């Protein structure tokens, strides 16, 4: 029976948080510890968490963002396996059981995720074709947009020693950055069964930021500069970065952000001249 450390980062989401916690307690697999990282909440989050007593561990920090919150949870985790649950998402009762069984049947695997159900503003929606999850070596597919959901993932803790933790300098797309650092070398497997409910549409959702591609560009540039990619992977990453710079700089020009547009045009030219495609 492998122990799982479940990490919920939260900031001022007390009503959603209660439902997320209850979805953990409803799991059929029981060998876990639940760690809730309170990222400087100013609502009634602590009052809620204290009601659960020793059923969960509370880690408090000043407001540093979701990456720092998850990293604090990882550093304090006792389990062999790490599972994340965003405070606005829910797990179906057999989520942990399916993933533990997957690892038991495939002992060389280091990370897997499940399919998910999407709810937007209380209504179920179907993901578009471009959001279709793949299984295995998914680096190329993951460049265009994030194909791995933190709430759907289970990871061997030792994988963080190889790939590093979440980048705390990224206010968004921090998961996209980590999945690139993992998927260039390690397969990310998919359990083709929806076992999480991913809820969206609320005002504080980071993914509603229309400028998210600037963080993806930073993540791609970072992994290109790392020198870790194969020749083919490097070509794919450079091509994606150029495409994203083109789109983002045009968007900046449209809204009169001339200096920002010039920055991404210059970055595109620099990358183009530095790497032979």
Protein backbone atom coordinates (compact mmCIF):
# COMPACT_ATOMS: atom_id res chain seq x y z
CA UNK A 1 0.00 0.00 0.00
CA UNK A 2 1.83 3.06 -1.27
CA UNK A 3 1.29 6.26 0.70
CA UNK A 4 0.13 9.25 -1.31
CA UNK A 5 0.74 12.84 -0.30
CA UNK A 6 -2.15 14.96 -1.57
CA UNK A 7 -1.37 18.67 -1.90
CA UNK A 8 -4.09 21.31 -2.19
CA UNK A 9 -2.83 24.89 -2.64
CA UNK A 10 -5.47 27.49 -1.83
CA UNK A 11 -5.98 31.22 -1.70
CA UNK A 12 -9.31 32.80 -0.71
CA UNK A 13 -11.53 30.01 -2.03
CA UNK A 14 -13.15 28.80 1.15
CA UNK A 15 -16.43 27.62 -0.40
CA UNK A 16 -14.82 25.72 -3.27
CA UNK A 17 -12.09 24.42 -0.97
CA UNK A 18 -14.55 22.63 1.30
CA UNK A 19 -15.92 20.66 -1.66
CA UNK A 20 -12.40 19.79 -2.85
CA UNK A 21 -11.44 18.49 0.60
CA UNK A 22 -14.60 16.40 0.87
CA UNK A 23 -13.81 14.82 -2.51
CA UNK A 24 -10.49 13.67 -1.05
CA UNK A 25 -12.15 12.17 2.01
CA UNK A 26 -14.53 10.29 -0.29
CA UNK A 27 -11.69 8.37 -1.96
CA UNK A 28 -11.91 4.58 -1.84
CA UNK A 29 -8.11 4.40 -1.49
CA UNK A 30 -7.31 5.47 2.06
CA UNK A 31 -3.52 5.37 2.48
CA UNK A 32 -2.86 9.07 2.05
CA UNK A 33 -2.00 12.24 3.89
CA UNK A 34 -3.76 15.47 2.96
CA UNK A 35 -1.68 18.65 3.00
CA UNK A 36 -3.46 21.96 2.46
CA UNK A 37 -1.14 24.89 1.79
CA UNK A 38 -2.83 28.15 2.77
CA UNK A 39 -1.22 30.76 0.52
CA UNK A 40 -1.92 33.77 2.71
CA UNK A 41 -5.72 33.62 2.52
CA UNK A 42 -7.61 36.52 4.08
CA UNK A 43 -11.06 34.90 4.07
CA UNK A 44 -12.29 32.15 6.42
CA UNK A 45 -9.97 29.48 4.98
CA UNK A 46 -8.17 28.82 8.27
CA UNK A 47 -11.43 28.53 10.19
CA UNK A 48 -12.58 25.88 7.74
CA UNK A 49 -9.30 23.95 7.84
CA UNK A 50 -9.15 23.95 11.63
CA UNK A 51 -12.52 22.21 11.73
CA UNK A 52 -10.94 19.07 10.25
CA UNK A 53 -8.49 18.59 13.11
CA UNK A 54 -5.86 15.95 12.41
CA UNK A 55 -7.59 14.71 9.26
CA UNK A 56 -5.32 17.05 7.32
CA UNK A 57 -2.10 19.02 7.72
CA UNK A 58 -2.10 22.79 7.34
CA UNK A 59 0.93 24.63 6.00
CA UNK A 60 0.72 28.42 6.08
CA UNK A 61 2.76 30.86 4.03
CA UNK A 62 2.44 34.48 3.00
CA UNK A 63 0.86 34.94 -0.41
CA UNK A 64 3.53 33.76 -2.87
CA UNK A 65 1.45 32.10 -5.56
CA UNK A 66 0.46 28.57 -6.52
CA UNK A 67 3.97 27.41 -7.49
CA UNK A 68 5.44 28.29 -4.10
CA UNK A 69 2.44 26.69 -2.38
CA UNK A 70 2.79 23.41 -4.28
CA UNK A 71 6.56 23.40 -3.74
CA UNK A 72 6.11 23.85 0.01
CA UNK A 73 3.74 20.90 0.01
CA UNK A 74 6.19 18.72 -1.95
CA UNK A 75 9.04 19.54 0.42
CA UNK A 76 6.91 18.51 3.41
CA UNK A 77 5.38 15.41 1.82
CA UNK A 78 5.94 12.00 3.42
CA UNK A 79 4.44 9.89 0.65
CA UNK A 80 6.12 8.00 -2.17
CA UNK A 81 3.56 9.42 -4.57
CA UNK A 82 2.39 13.02 -4.97
CA UNK A 83 -1.09 14.03 -6.14
CA UNK A 84 -2.22 17.63 -6.60
CA UNK A 85 -5.75 18.92 -6.32
CA UNK A 86 -6.54 22.52 -7.19
CA UNK A 87 -8.99 24.02 -4.74
CA UNK A 88 -11.60 24.65 -7.46
CA UNK A 89 -11.55 21.04 -8.75
CA UNK A 90 -13.05 17.77 -7.49
CA UNK A 91 -12.00 14.12 -7.57
CA UNK A 92 -14.32 11.23 -8.26
CA UNK A 93 -14.12 8.54 -5.54
CA UNK A 94 -11.91 6.02 -7.39
CA UNK A 95 -9.32 8.49 -8.70
CA UNK A 96 -6.51 7.46 -6.35
CA UNK A 97 -7.29 3.76 -6.63
CA UNK A 98 -6.99 3.73 -10.42
CA UNK A 99 -3.68 5.58 -10.38
CA UNK A 100 -2.10 3.45 -7.66
CA UNK A 101 -3.12 0.33 -9.55
CA UNK A 102 -1.60 1.79 -12.71
CA UNK A 103 1.77 2.24 -10.99
CA UNK A 104 1.62 -1.24 -9.47
CA UNK A 105 1.06 -2.72 -12.92
CA UNK A 106 3.68 -0.51 -14.60
CA UNK A 107 6.49 -0.10 -12.06
CA UNK A 108 8.80 1.77 -14.45
CA UNK A 109 6.28 4.63 -14.86
CA UNK A 110 6.97 7.88 -12.98
CA UNK A 111 3.90 9.97 -13.81
CA UNK A 112 0.35 9.45 -15.01
CA UNK A 113 -2.84 11.46 -15.33
CA UNK A 114 -6.53 10.75 -15.88
CA UNK A 115 -9.17 12.10 -18.19
CA UNK A 116 -11.40 14.83 -16.82
CA UNK A 117 -14.90 16.27 -16.93
CA UNK A 118 -15.07 19.97 -17.71
CA UNK A 119 -17.60 22.22 -15.98
CA UNK A 120 -17.78 25.91 -16.99
CA UNK A 121 -20.08 28.18 -14.98
CA UNK A 122 -21.99 25.13 -13.77
CA UNK A 123 -22.51 23.64 -17.25
CA UNK A 124 -20.70 20.60 -18.63
CA UNK A 125 -18.71 21.35 -21.79
CA UNK A 126 -16.71 19.15 -24.15
CA UNK A 127 -12.99 19.83 -24.68
CA UNK A 128 -12.00 20.80 -28.22
CA UNK A 129 -9.92 18.50 -30.42
CA UNK A 130 -6.76 20.49 -29.61
CA UNK A 131 -7.19 19.65 -25.90
CA UNK A 132 -7.19 15.89 -26.53
CA UNK A 133 -4.86 14.19 -24.06
CA UNK A 134 -2.16 11.83 -25.31
CA UNK A 135 -0.23 9.09 -23.54
CA UNK A 136 3.50 8.39 -23.59
CA UNK A 137 6.14 10.72 -25.03
CA UNK A 138 4.01 13.83 -25.41
CA UNK A 139 6.63 16.61 -25.53
CA UNK A 140 5.85 17.69 -29.10
CA UNK A 141 2.08 17.71 -28.49
CA UNK A 142 2.54 19.62 -25.24
CA UNK A 143 4.34 22.57 -26.82
CA UNK A 144 1.26 24.19 -28.35
CA UNK A 145 -0.74 24.22 -25.11
CA UNK A 146 -0.91 22.49 -21.74
CA UNK A 147 -2.19 18.91 -22.08
CA UNK A 148 -1.63 17.86 -18.46
CA UNK A 149 -3.87 18.92 -15.59
CA UNK A 150 -2.37 19.26 -12.10
CA UNK A 151 -5.53 17.84 -10.49
CA UNK A 152 -5.35 14.77 -12.76
CA UNK A 153 -1.71 13.93 -12.12
CA UNK A 154 0.02 11.47 -9.82
CA UNK A 155 3.83 11.60 -9.67
CA UNK A 156 6.56 9.60 -8.01
CA UNK A 157 8.20 12.04 -5.60
CA UNK A 158 11.67 11.17 -6.92
CA UNK A 159 10.74 12.64 -10.31
CA UNK A 160 11.04 16.12 -8.81
CA UNK A 161 14.69 15.36 -8.07
CA UNK A 162 15.24 14.82 -11.79
CA UNK A 163 13.01 17.53 -13.27
CA UNK A 164 12.98 20.16 -10.54
CA UNK A 165 10.04 21.82 -8.79
CA UNK A 166 7.52 24.36 -10.05
CA UNK A 167 9.08 27.62 -11.27
CA UNK A 168 8.06 30.22 -8.71
CA UNK A 169 8.93 33.10 -11.06
CA UNK A 170 5.98 32.18 -13.30
CA UNK A 171 2.64 33.63 -12.11
CA UNK A 172 0.80 31.34 -14.54
CA UNK A 173 1.59 28.39 -16.86
CA UNK A 174 3.87 27.06 -14.14
CA UNK A 175 2.44 23.58 -14.75
CA UNK A 176 3.03 23.87 -18.52
CA UNK A 177 6.68 24.66 -17.74
CA UNK A 178 7.06 21.61 -15.47
CA UNK A 179 5.38 19.23 -17.91
CA UNK A 180 7.83 20.32 -20.64
CA UNK A 181 10.76 19.64 -18.30
CA UNK A 182 9.34 16.18 -17.62
CA UNK A 183 7.95 15.16 -21.01
CA UNK A 184 11.11 15.81 -23.04
CA UNK A 185 12.63 12.78 -21.28
CA UNK A 186 9.92 10.79 -19.50
CA UNK A 187 6.59 9.40 -20.75
CA UNK A 188 3.46 10.89 -19.19
CA UNK A 189 0.86 8.13 -19.24
CA UNK A 190 -2.88 8.56 -19.52
CA UNK A 191 -5.56 6.57 -17.74
CA UNK A 192 -8.35 6.95 -20.28
CA UNK A 193 -11.12 7.38 -17.72
CA UNK A 194 -12.55 10.69 -16.42
CA UNK A 195 -11.77 10.74 -12.71
CA UNK A 196 -11.69 14.47 -11.96
CA UNK A 197 -14.11 17.34 -12.36
CA UNK A 198 -12.35 20.46 -13.58
CA UNK A 199 -14.40 23.52 -12.73
CA UNK A 200 -13.88 26.86 -14.46
CA UNK A 201 -15.43 30.22 -15.16
CA UNK A 202 -14.87 31.89 -11.77
CA UNK A 203 -13.28 35.34 -11.69
CA UNK A 204 -10.00 34.44 -9.95
CA UNK A 205 -9.03 31.68 -12.38
CA UNK A 206 -5.47 32.21 -13.64
CA UNK A 207 -6.23 30.56 -16.96
CA UNK A 208 -8.62 33.44 -17.82
CA UNK A 209 -5.59 35.71 -18.37
CA UNK A 210 -5.64 36.54 -22.10
CA UNK A 211 -1.85 36.99 -22.10
CA UNK A 212 -0.93 33.47 -20.99
CA UNK A 213 1.21 32.83 -24.07
CA UNK A 214 3.90 35.17 -22.76
CA UNK A 215 4.51 32.69 -19.93
CA UNK A 216 4.50 29.75 -22.34
CA UNK A 217 7.07 31.59 -24.47
CA UNK A 218 9.25 32.05 -21.40
CA UNK A 219 8.96 28.34 -20.54
CA UNK A 220 9.84 27.25 -24.08
CA UNK A 221 12.82 29.62 -24.22
CA UNK A 222 14.00 28.26 -20.90
CA UNK A 223 13.99 24.63 -22.00
CA UNK A 224 15.63 25.52 -25.32
CA UNK A 225 18.42 27.31 -23.44
CA UNK A 226 18.86 24.34 -21.10
CA UNK A 227 20.58 22.33 -23.84
CA UNK A 228 18.70 19.21 -22.75
CA UNK A 229 16.60 18.73 -25.87
CA UNK A 230 17.41 16.41 -28.74
CA UNK A 231 17.98 17.98 -32.16
CA UNK A 232 14.43 17.15 -33.23
CA UNK A 233 12.90 18.37 -29.96
CA UNK A 234 14.90 21.59 -30.21
CA UNK A 235 13.58 22.18 -33.73
CA UNK A 236 10.00 21.60 -32.57
CA UNK A 237 10.45 23.94 -29.59
CA UNK A 238 12.02 26.73 -31.70
CA UNK A 239 9.26 26.49 -34.32
CA UNK A 240 6.59 26.71 -31.60
CA UNK A 241 8.30 29.65 -29.90
CA UNK A 242 8.49 31.58 -33.19
CA UNK A 243 4.83 30.89 -33.90
CA UNK A 244 3.78 32.02 -30.42
CA UNK A 245 5.95 35.16 -30.64
CA UNK A 246 4.29 36.04 -33.96
CA UNK A 247 0.80 35.66 -32.54
CA UNK A 248 1.53 37.41 -29.28
CA UNK A 249 3.36 40.37 -30.83
CA UNK A 250 0.47 40.93 -33.25
CA UNK A 251 -1.92 40.93 -30.30
CA UNK A 252 0.24 43.53 -28.54
CA UNK A 253 0.23 45.76 -31.62
CA UNK A 254 -3.54 45.49 -31.87
CA UNK A 255 -3.89 46.92 -28.36
CA UNK A 256 -1.17 49.54 -28.75
CA UNK A 257 1.48 47.84 -26.60
CA UNK A 258 4.29 48.74 -28.98
CA UNK A 259 7.26 48.11 -26.66
CA UNK A 260 5.95 44.69 -25.72
CA UNK A 261 5.35 43.81 -29.37
CA UNK A 262 8.91 44.85 -30.24
CA UNK A 263 10.28 42.70 -27.41
CA UNK A 264 8.68 39.54 -28.81
CA UNK A 265 9.63 40.42 -32.39
CA UNK A 266 13.24 40.82 -31.28
CA UNK A 267 13.07 37.57 -29.31
CA UNK A 268 11.76 35.77 -32.38
CA UNK A 269 14.58 37.16 -34.53
CA UNK A 270 17.18 36.26 -31.93
CA UNK A 271 15.94 32.70 -31.64
CA UNK A 272 15.67 32.34 -35.43
CA UNK A 273 19.26 33.48 -35.93
CA UNK A 274 20.61 31.37 -33.05
CA UNK A 275 19.11 28.02 -34.05
CA UNK A 276 19.25 26.56 -37.53
CA UNK A 277 15.87 25.09 -38.44
